Amino acid sequence: TALEYLKNVRRQAVGKMRDLVWSIDSRRDHMHHLLDRMRELAEEAFSLAQKDFEFKRENLPLEQKLAVDIRQHLYLIFREAITNCCKHSNGDYVKISFSRQAGQLELRIHDNGTSSSTPPSSSGLGLDNMKRRATALNGELIIDNKDGFLVLLKV
């Protein structure tokens, strides 16, 4: 119905505004703040989508301060990947890992779904934005849908 549609648009707008305010709040500039916000987003999104998930973090410098732009790029790549898992995958389980290996941050989001080779009927800006943000971080972004939906960011 039109009312449900408006409620959904409002919820998305409020969520995006909350994310923006969070991303520029200097009181939230440590790695552990980013991880907490990522977990909150995953819990909310996957609960609504009725998907189970696990969130592992390893070897991360929890007290390290992150610049606003770095924190924002990491979070928004994560948010887009989670959104894609919820909207475009028929999987019911998502593995998320965020780790530091050989001096490099690695964010991996991988679900157990299958997807068709036809692109989703949307503007396609989400994947382009993720790639642009990865480039801004001087990172490498790998997106694959051969064995579930995978987003792998190495920075």
N, C-alpha and C. Protein backbone atom coordinates (compact mmCIF):
# COMPACT_ATOMS: atom_id res chain seq x y z
N THR A 1 0.83 -1.19 0.00
CA THR A 1 0.00 0.00 0.00
C THR A 1 0.88 1.25 0.00
N ALA A 2 0.27 2.36 -0.29
CA ALA A 2 1.00 3.63 -0.32
C ALA A 2 1.53 3.99 1.06
N LEU A 3 0.76 3.69 2.10
CA LEU A 3 1.22 4.00 3.46
C LEU A 3 2.45 3.18 3.83
N GLU A 4 2.45 1.91 3.49
CA GLU A 4 3.62 1.06 3.76
C GLU A 4 4.84 1.56 3.01
N TYR A 5 4.63 1.95 1.76
CA TYR A 5 5.72 2.49 0.95
C TYR A 5 6.31 3.73 1.60
N LEU A 6 5.46 4.64 2.04
CA LEU A 6 5.92 5.87 2.69
C LEU A 6 6.64 5.57 4.00
N LYS A 7 6.15 4.61 4.76
CA LYS A 7 6.82 4.22 6.00
C LYS A 7 8.22 3.70 5.70
N ASN A 8 8.34 2.90 4.64
CA ASN A 8 9.63 2.34 4.27
C ASN A 8 10.59 3.44 3.82
N VAL A 9 10.12 4.37 3.01
CA VAL A 9 10.96 5.49 2.56
C VAL A 9 11.42 6.31 3.76
N ARG A 10 10.52 6.59 4.68
CA ARG A 10 10.85 7.35 5.88
C ARG A 10 11.91 6.63 6.72
N ARG A 11 11.72 5.31 6.91
CA ARG A 11 12.67 4.53 7.69
C ARG A 11 14.05 4.56 7.05
N GLN A 12 14.11 4.42 5.72
CA GLN A 12 15.39 4.46 5.02
C GLN A 12 16.04 5.83 5.14
N ALA A 13 15.26 6.89 5.00
CA ALA A 13 15.80 8.25 5.10
C ALA A 13 16.35 8.51 6.49
N VAL A 14 15.60 8.12 7.51
CA VAL A 14 16.06 8.31 8.89
C VAL A 14 17.33 7.50 9.13
N GLY A 15 17.37 6.28 8.62
CA GLY A 15 18.56 5.44 8.79
C GLY A 15 19.79 6.05 8.13
N LYS A 16 19.61 6.59 6.93
CA LYS A 16 20.74 7.20 6.24
C LYS A 16 21.21 8.47 6.96
N MET A 17 20.27 9.25 7.47
CA MET A 17 20.65 10.45 8.22
C MET A 17 21.38 10.07 9.51
N ARG A 18 20.89 9.05 10.20
CA ARG A 18 21.56 8.59 11.42
C ARG A 18 22.97 8.12 11.11
N ASP A 19 23.13 7.38 10.00
CA ASP A 19 24.46 6.91 9.60
C ASP A 19 25.40 8.08 9.30
N LEU A 20 24.89 9.09 8.62
CA LEU A 20 25.70 10.25 8.29
C LEU A 20 26.15 10.99 9.55
N VAL A 21 25.23 11.22 10.46
CA VAL A 21 25.57 11.90 11.71
C VAL A 21 26.59 11.07 12.49
N TRP A 22 26.38 9.76 12.56
CA TRP A 22 27.33 8.90 13.26
C TRP A 22 28.72 8.99 12.63
N SER A 23 28.78 8.99 11.31
CA SER A 23 30.07 8.92 10.62
C SER A 23 30.92 10.18 10.82
N ILE A 24 30.30 11.30 11.13
CA ILE A 24 31.08 12.53 11.34
C ILE A 24 31.23 12.91 12.81
N ASP A 25 30.69 12.09 13.71
CA ASP A 25 30.77 12.36 15.15
C ASP A 25 32.17 12.00 15.63
N SER A 26 32.95 13.00 16.02
CA SER A 26 34.34 12.78 16.43
C SER A 26 34.45 11.97 17.72
N ARG A 27 33.37 11.82 18.46
CA ARG A 27 33.40 10.99 19.67
C ARG A 27 33.39 9.51 19.32
N ARG A 28 33.18 9.18 18.06
CA ARG A 28 33.08 7.79 17.60
C ARG A 28 34.19 7.46 16.61
N ASP A 29 35.41 7.91 16.92
CA ASP A 29 36.48 7.81 15.93
C ASP A 29 37.45 6.65 16.12
N HIS A 30 37.14 5.71 17.01
CA HIS A 30 38.00 4.55 17.21
C HIS A 30 37.46 3.33 16.45
N MET A 31 38.35 2.42 16.18
CA MET A 31 38.00 1.20 15.47
C MET A 31 36.85 0.47 16.17
N HIS A 32 36.86 0.40 17.50
CA HIS A 32 35.80 -0.34 18.19
C HIS A 32 34.43 0.32 17.99
N HIS A 33 34.39 1.64 17.80
CA HIS A 33 33.11 2.30 17.52
C HIS A 33 32.59 1.88 16.14
N LEU A 34 33.48 1.80 15.18
CA LEU A 34 33.09 1.35 13.84
C LEU A 34 32.54 -0.08 13.89
N LEU A 35 33.22 -0.95 14.60
CA LEU A 35 32.79 -2.34 14.70
C LEU A 35 31.43 -2.45 15.39
N ASP A 36 31.23 -1.67 16.44
CA ASP A 36 29.93 -1.68 17.14
C ASP A 36 28.81 -1.24 16.20
N ARG A 37 29.06 -0.20 15.42
CA ARG A 37 28.03 0.31 14.50
C ARG A 37 27.74 -0.70 13.39
N MET A 38 28.80 -1.36 12.90
CA MET A 38 28.61 -2.39 11.88
C MET A 38 27.75 -3.54 12.41
N ARG A 39 28.04 -3.97 13.62
CA ARG A 39 27.27 -5.06 14.22
C ARG A 39 25.81 -4.65 14.40
N GLU A 40 25.57 -3.43 14.87
CA GLU A 40 24.20 -2.94 15.04
C GLU A 40 23.44 -2.97 13.71
N LEU A 41 24.09 -2.49 12.67
CA LEU A 41 23.46 -2.48 11.34
C LEU A 41 23.14 -3.90 10.89
N ALA A 42 24.09 -4.81 11.03
CA ALA A 42 23.88 -6.20 10.63
C ALA A 42 22.73 -6.82 11.41
N GLU A 43 22.69 -6.60 12.71
CA GLU A 43 21.61 -7.16 13.53
C GLU A 43 20.25 -6.65 13.06
N GLU A 44 20.15 -5.36 12.83
CA GLU A 44 18.89 -4.77 12.40
C GLU A 44 18.48 -5.27 11.01
N ALA A 45 19.39 -5.19 10.07
CA ALA A 45 19.06 -5.56 8.69
C ALA A 45 18.73 -7.04 8.56
N PHE A 46 19.54 -7.89 9.17
CA PHE A 46 19.32 -9.32 9.00
C PHE A 46 18.12 -9.82 9.81
N SER A 47 17.81 -9.14 10.88
CA SER A 47 16.59 -9.48 11.62
C SER A 47 15.37 -9.22 10.76
N LEU A 48 15.33 -8.05 10.11
CA LEU A 48 14.20 -7.72 9.23
C LEU A 48 14.13 -8.67 8.03
N ALA A 49 15.29 -9.08 7.53
CA ALA A 49 15.34 -9.95 6.35
C ALA A 49 15.25 -11.43 6.72
N GLN A 50 15.16 -11.72 8.00
CA GLN A 50 15.09 -13.09 8.51
C GLN A 50 16.27 -13.93 8.04
N LYS A 51 17.46 -13.39 8.24
CA LYS A 51 18.70 -14.09 7.92
C LYS A 51 19.55 -14.20 9.19
N ASP A 52 20.25 -15.30 9.33
CA ASP A 52 21.20 -15.46 10.43
C ASP A 52 22.56 -14.95 9.96
N PHE A 53 23.40 -14.54 10.92
CA PHE A 53 24.73 -14.09 10.55
C PHE A 53 25.71 -14.33 11.68
N GLU A 54 26.96 -14.33 11.32
CA GLU A 54 28.04 -14.32 12.32
C GLU A 54 28.97 -13.17 11.98
N PHE A 55 29.54 -12.56 13.00
CA PHE A 55 30.40 -11.40 12.83
C PHE A 55 31.68 -11.68 13.61
N LYS A 56 32.75 -11.93 12.89
CA LYS A 56 34.04 -12.21 13.52
C LYS A 56 34.98 -11.03 13.30
N ARG A 57 35.76 -10.74 14.31
CA ARG A 57 36.79 -9.71 14.17
C ARG A 57 38.07 -10.26 14.79
N GLU A 58 39.17 -10.04 14.06
CA GLU A 58 40.44 -10.61 14.50
C GLU A 58 41.58 -9.62 14.25
N ASN A 59 42.48 -9.54 15.21
CA ASN A 59 43.71 -8.75 15.07
C ASN A 59 43.47 -7.29 14.72
N LEU A 60 42.37 -6.73 15.17
CA LEU A 60 42.09 -5.33 14.85
C LEU A 60 42.55 -4.42 15.98
N PRO A 61 43.13 -3.30 15.63
CA PRO A 61 43.57 -2.34 16.64
C PRO A 61 42.35 -1.55 17.18
N LEU A 62 41.69 -2.09 18.19
CA LEU A 62 40.41 -1.56 18.64
C LEU A 62 40.48 -0.11 19.11
N GLU A 63 41.60 0.31 19.65
CA GLU A 63 41.73 1.68 20.14
C GLU A 63 42.31 2.64 19.10
N GLN A 64 42.59 2.14 17.91
CA GLN A 64 43.13 3.00 16.86
C GLN A 64 42.07 4.00 16.41
N LYS A 65 42.51 5.25 16.28
CA LYS A 65 41.62 6.28 15.77
C LYS A 65 41.58 6.18 14.25
N LEU A 66 40.39 6.40 13.72
CA LEU A 66 40.19 6.38 12.27
C LEU A 66 39.76 7.76 11.82
N ALA A 67 40.34 8.23 10.75
CA ALA A 67 39.92 9.52 10.18
C ALA A 67 38.47 9.41 9.72
N VAL A 68 37.78 10.53 9.76
CA VAL A 68 36.36 10.56 9.41
C VAL A 68 36.11 9.95 8.03
N ASP A 69 36.90 10.32 7.04
CA ASP A 69 36.65 9.80 5.69
C ASP A 69 36.89 8.30 5.61
N ILE A 70 37.89 7.80 6.29
CA ILE A 70 38.17 6.36 6.27
C ILE A 70 37.03 5.60 6.95
N ARG A 71 36.63 6.07 8.12
CA ARG A 71 35.54 5.44 8.85
C ARG A 71 34.25 5.44 8.01
N GLN A 72 33.99 6.56 7.36
CA GLN A 72 32.78 6.69 6.55
C GLN A 72 32.82 5.74 5.34
N HIS A 73 33.95 5.70 4.64
CA HIS A 73 34.07 4.80 3.48
C HIS A 73 33.91 3.33 3.90
N LEU A 74 34.58 2.93 4.97
CA LEU A 74 34.47 1.55 5.43
C LEU A 74 33.03 1.20 5.79
N TYR A 75 32.40 2.08 6.53
CA TYR A 75 31.03 1.82 6.97
C TYR A 75 30.06 1.77 5.79
N LEU A 76 30.19 2.70 4.86
CA LEU A 76 29.24 2.74 3.75
C LEU A 76 29.43 1.59 2.76
N ILE A 77 30.65 1.11 2.61
CA ILE A 77 30.87 -0.11 1.82
C ILE A 77 30.18 -1.27 2.52
N PHE A 78 30.36 -1.35 3.82
CA PHE A 78 29.73 -2.41 4.61
C PHE A 78 28.21 -2.34 4.48
N ARG A 79 27.66 -1.15 4.65
CA ARG A 79 26.20 -0.98 4.59
C ARG A 79 25.65 -1.40 3.23
N GLU A 80 26.33 -1.02 2.17
CA GLU A 80 25.86 -1.40 0.83
C GLU A 80 25.92 -2.91 0.63
N ALA A 81 26.98 -3.54 1.12
CA ALA A 81 27.08 -5.00 0.99
C ALA A 81 25.97 -5.70 1.77
N ILE A 82 25.67 -5.21 2.96
CA ILE A 82 24.60 -5.79 3.77
C ILE A 82 23.25 -5.58 3.08
N THR A 83 23.04 -4.40 2.55
CA THR A 83 21.80 -4.10 1.83
C THR A 83 21.65 -5.04 0.64
N ASN A 84 22.72 -5.26 -0.11
CA ASN A 84 22.66 -6.16 -1.26
C ASN A 84 22.34 -7.60 -0.84
N CYS A 85 22.93 -8.04 0.27
CA CYS A 85 22.61 -9.39 0.78
C CYS A 85 21.12 -9.50 1.10
N CYS A 86 20.57 -8.46 1.70
CA CYS A 86 19.15 -8.50 2.09
C CYS A 86 18.22 -8.39 0.90
N LYS A 87 18.55 -7.56 -0.06
CA LYS A 87 17.64 -7.30 -1.18
C LYS A 87 17.76 -8.28 -2.33
N HIS A 88 18.97 -8.75 -2.61
CA HIS A 88 19.20 -9.46 -3.86
C HIS A 88 19.62 -10.92 -3.70
N SER A 89 19.74 -11.41 -2.49
CA SER A 89 20.17 -12.79 -2.31
C SER A 89 19.06 -13.62 -1.68
N ASN A 90 18.97 -14.85 -2.09
CA ASN A 90 18.01 -15.76 -1.47
C ASN A 90 18.64 -16.56 -0.33
N GLY A 91 19.87 -16.21 0.04
CA GLY A 91 20.54 -16.90 1.13
C GLY A 91 19.90 -16.58 2.48
N ASP A 92 20.20 -17.44 3.46
CA ASP A 92 19.65 -17.22 4.80
C ASP A 92 20.73 -17.13 5.87
N TYR A 93 22.00 -17.12 5.43
CA TYR A 93 23.10 -17.07 6.39
C TYR A 93 24.24 -16.23 5.81
N VAL A 94 24.77 -15.31 6.62
CA VAL A 94 25.84 -14.42 6.16
C VAL A 94 27.01 -14.49 7.13
N LYS A 95 28.20 -14.68 6.58
CA LYS A 95 29.42 -14.66 7.38
C LYS A 95 30.11 -13.32 7.14
N ILE A 96 30.40 -12.62 8.22
CA ILE A 96 31.11 -11.34 8.15
C ILE A 96 32.39 -11.50 8.95
N SER A 97 33.50 -11.12 8.34
CA SER A 97 34.76 -11.10 9.09
C SER A 97 35.49 -9.80 8.76
N PHE A 98 36.07 -9.25 9.80
CA PHE A 98 36.86 -8.03 9.67
C PHE A 98 38.14 -8.31 10.42
N SER A 99 39.26 -8.29 9.70
CA SER A 99 40.52 -8.69 10.32
C SER A 99 41.68 -7.85 9.79
N ARG A 100 42.78 -8.00 10.46
CA ARG A 100 44.02 -7.39 10.00
C ARG A 100 45.00 -8.52 9.76
N GLN A 101 45.47 -8.59 8.52
CA GLN A 101 46.40 -9.65 8.15
C GLN A 101 47.53 -9.06 7.35
N ALA A 102 48.74 -9.32 7.78
CA ALA A 102 49.94 -8.81 7.10
C ALA A 102 49.87 -7.29 6.93
N GLY A 103 49.39 -6.60 7.96
CA GLY A 103 49.34 -5.14 7.93
C GLY A 103 48.22 -4.56 7.09
N GLN A 104 47.31 -5.40 6.62
CA GLN A 104 46.24 -4.96 5.75
C GLN A 104 44.89 -5.30 6.38
N LEU A 105 43.94 -4.35 6.32
CA LEU A 105 42.58 -4.63 6.78
C LEU A 105 41.85 -5.42 5.71
N GLU A 106 41.08 -6.41 6.17
CA GLU A 106 40.30 -7.21 5.24
C GLU A 106 38.88 -7.34 5.78
N LEU A 107 37.92 -6.85 5.02
CA LEU A 107 36.51 -6.96 5.34
C LEU A 107 35.87 -7.91 4.34
N ARG A 108 35.28 -8.98 4.86
CA ARG A 108 34.68 -10.02 4.00
C ARG A 108 33.23 -10.22 4.43
N ILE A 109 32.32 -10.11 3.47
CA ILE A 109 30.90 -10.37 3.69
C ILE A 109 30.50 -11.41 2.66
N HIS A 110 30.03 -12.58 3.13
CA HIS A 110 29.76 -13.69 2.23
C HIS A 110 28.51 -14.42 2.68
N ASP A 111 27.53 -14.55 1.79
CA ASP A 111 26.32 -15.28 2.16
C ASP A 111 26.22 -16.60 1.40
N ASN A 112 25.24 -17.39 1.77
CA ASN A 112 25.09 -18.73 1.20
C ASN A 112 24.02 -18.79 0.11
N GLY A 113 23.67 -17.67 -0.45
CA GLY A 113 22.61 -17.64 -1.45
C GLY A 113 23.09 -17.96 -2.85
N THR A 114 22.13 -18.02 -3.72
CA THR A 114 22.41 -18.16 -5.15
C THR A 114 21.82 -16.94 -5.83
N SER A 115 22.36 -16.59 -6.94
CA SER A 115 21.82 -15.43 -7.66
C SER A 115 21.81 -15.74 -9.14
N SER A 116 20.97 -15.03 -9.83
CA SER A 116 20.92 -15.20 -11.28
C SER A 116 21.99 -14.32 -11.90
N SER A 117 22.26 -14.55 -13.16
CA SER A 117 23.27 -13.73 -13.83
C SER A 117 22.71 -12.39 -14.28
N THR A 118 21.39 -12.22 -14.16
CA THR A 118 20.80 -10.95 -14.56
C THR A 118 20.93 -9.96 -13.42
N PRO A 119 21.31 -8.74 -13.73
CA PRO A 119 21.49 -7.76 -12.68
C PRO A 119 20.16 -7.37 -12.06
N PRO A 120 20.17 -6.98 -10.77
CA PRO A 120 18.94 -6.55 -10.13
C PRO A 120 18.37 -5.32 -10.83
N SER A 121 17.06 -5.17 -10.75
CA SER A 121 16.42 -4.04 -11.42
C SER A 121 16.51 -2.79 -10.55
N SER A 122 17.68 -2.20 -10.53
CA SER A 122 17.91 -0.96 -9.79
C SER A 122 18.88 -0.13 -10.59
N SER A 123 19.21 1.02 -10.07
CA SER A 123 20.09 1.92 -10.81
C SER A 123 21.52 1.40 -10.86
N GLY A 124 21.87 0.45 -10.00
CA GLY A 124 23.22 -0.09 -10.02
C GLY A 124 24.25 0.83 -9.40
N LEU A 125 23.82 1.88 -8.75
CA LEU A 125 24.77 2.82 -8.17
C LEU A 125 25.48 2.26 -6.95
N GLY A 126 24.85 1.31 -6.26
CA GLY A 126 25.45 0.76 -5.04
C GLY A 126 26.81 0.14 -5.28
N LEU A 127 26.91 -0.73 -6.28
CA LEU A 127 28.20 -1.38 -6.57
C LEU A 127 29.22 -0.36 -7.05
N ASP A 128 28.79 0.58 -7.86
CA ASP A 128 29.71 1.64 -8.32
C ASP A 128 30.21 2.48 -7.14
N ASN A 129 29.32 2.78 -6.21
CA ASN A 129 29.72 3.56 -5.03
C ASN A 129 30.71 2.79 -4.18
N MET A 130 30.49 1.48 -4.03
CA MET A 130 31.43 0.67 -3.25
C MET A 130 32.81 0.69 -3.91
N LYS A 131 32.85 0.55 -5.23
CA LYS A 131 34.13 0.57 -5.94
C LYS A 131 34.82 1.92 -5.81
N ARG A 132 34.03 2.98 -5.90
CA ARG A 132 34.59 4.34 -5.77
C ARG A 132 35.16 4.54 -4.37
N ARG A 133 34.46 4.06 -3.37
CA ARG A 133 34.93 4.21 -1.98
C ARG A 133 36.19 3.37 -1.74
N ALA A 134 36.23 2.17 -2.30
CA ALA A 134 37.43 1.33 -2.17
C ALA A 134 38.63 2.02 -2.80
N THR A 135 38.44 2.64 -3.95
CA THR A 135 39.51 3.38 -4.61
C THR A 135 39.98 4.54 -3.75
N ALA A 136 39.03 5.24 -3.12
CA ALA A 136 39.38 6.36 -2.24
C ALA A 136 40.21 5.89 -1.04
N LEU A 137 40.03 4.63 -0.65
CA LEU A 137 40.80 4.06 0.45
C LEU A 137 42.12 3.43 -0.02
N ASN A 138 42.40 3.54 -1.31
CA ASN A 138 43.54 2.85 -1.92
C ASN A 138 43.46 1.36 -1.68
N GLY A 139 42.25 0.84 -1.77
CA GLY A 139 42.03 -0.57 -1.50
C GLY A 139 41.61 -1.33 -2.73
N GLU A 140 41.43 -2.63 -2.53
CA GLU A 140 40.98 -3.52 -3.58
C GLU A 140 39.62 -4.07 -3.18
N LEU A 141 38.67 -4.01 -4.09
CA LEU A 141 37.32 -4.52 -3.84
C LEU A 141 37.03 -5.65 -4.81
N ILE A 142 36.66 -6.79 -4.25
CA ILE A 142 36.29 -7.95 -5.06
C ILE A 142 34.83 -8.25 -4.78
N ILE A 143 34.04 -8.34 -5.83
CA ILE A 143 32.63 -8.69 -5.72
C ILE A 143 32.40 -9.91 -6.59
N ASP A 144 31.81 -10.94 -6.00
CA ASP A 144 31.63 -12.20 -6.74
C ASP A 144 30.29 -12.81 -6.34
N ASN A 145 29.61 -13.43 -7.28
CA ASN A 145 28.35 -14.10 -6.96
C ASN A 145 28.31 -15.54 -7.47
N LYS A 146 29.49 -16.15 -7.63
CA LYS A 146 29.53 -17.53 -8.12
C LYS A 146 29.14 -18.53 -7.04
N ASP A 147 29.54 -18.29 -5.82
CA ASP A 147 29.26 -19.19 -4.70
C ASP A 147 28.68 -18.35 -3.57
N GLY A 148 27.44 -17.92 -3.72
CA GLY A 148 26.86 -16.96 -2.79
C GLY A 148 27.29 -15.57 -3.19
N PHE A 149 26.88 -14.58 -2.44
CA PHE A 149 27.26 -13.20 -2.72
C PHE A 149 28.45 -12.86 -1.83
N LEU A 150 29.55 -12.42 -2.44
CA LEU A 150 30.78 -12.12 -1.71
C LEU A 150 31.20 -10.69 -2.00
N VAL A 151 31.51 -9.96 -0.94
CA VAL A 151 32.18 -8.67 -1.04
C VAL A 151 33.44 -8.79 -0.19
N LEU A 152 34.57 -8.51 -0.81
CA LEU A 152 35.86 -8.59 -0.12
C LEU A 152 36.58 -7.28 -0.35
N LEU A 153 36.88 -6.58 0.73
CA LEU A 153 37.62 -5.33 0.68
C LEU A 153 38.95 -5.52 1.37
N LYS A 154 40.02 -5.15 0.67
CA LYS A 154 41.37 -5.19 1.25
C LYS A 154 41.94 -3.79 1.20
N VAL A 155 42.34 -3.29 2.36
CA VAL A 155 42.88 -1.94 2.47
C VAL A 155 44.20 -1.99 3.21
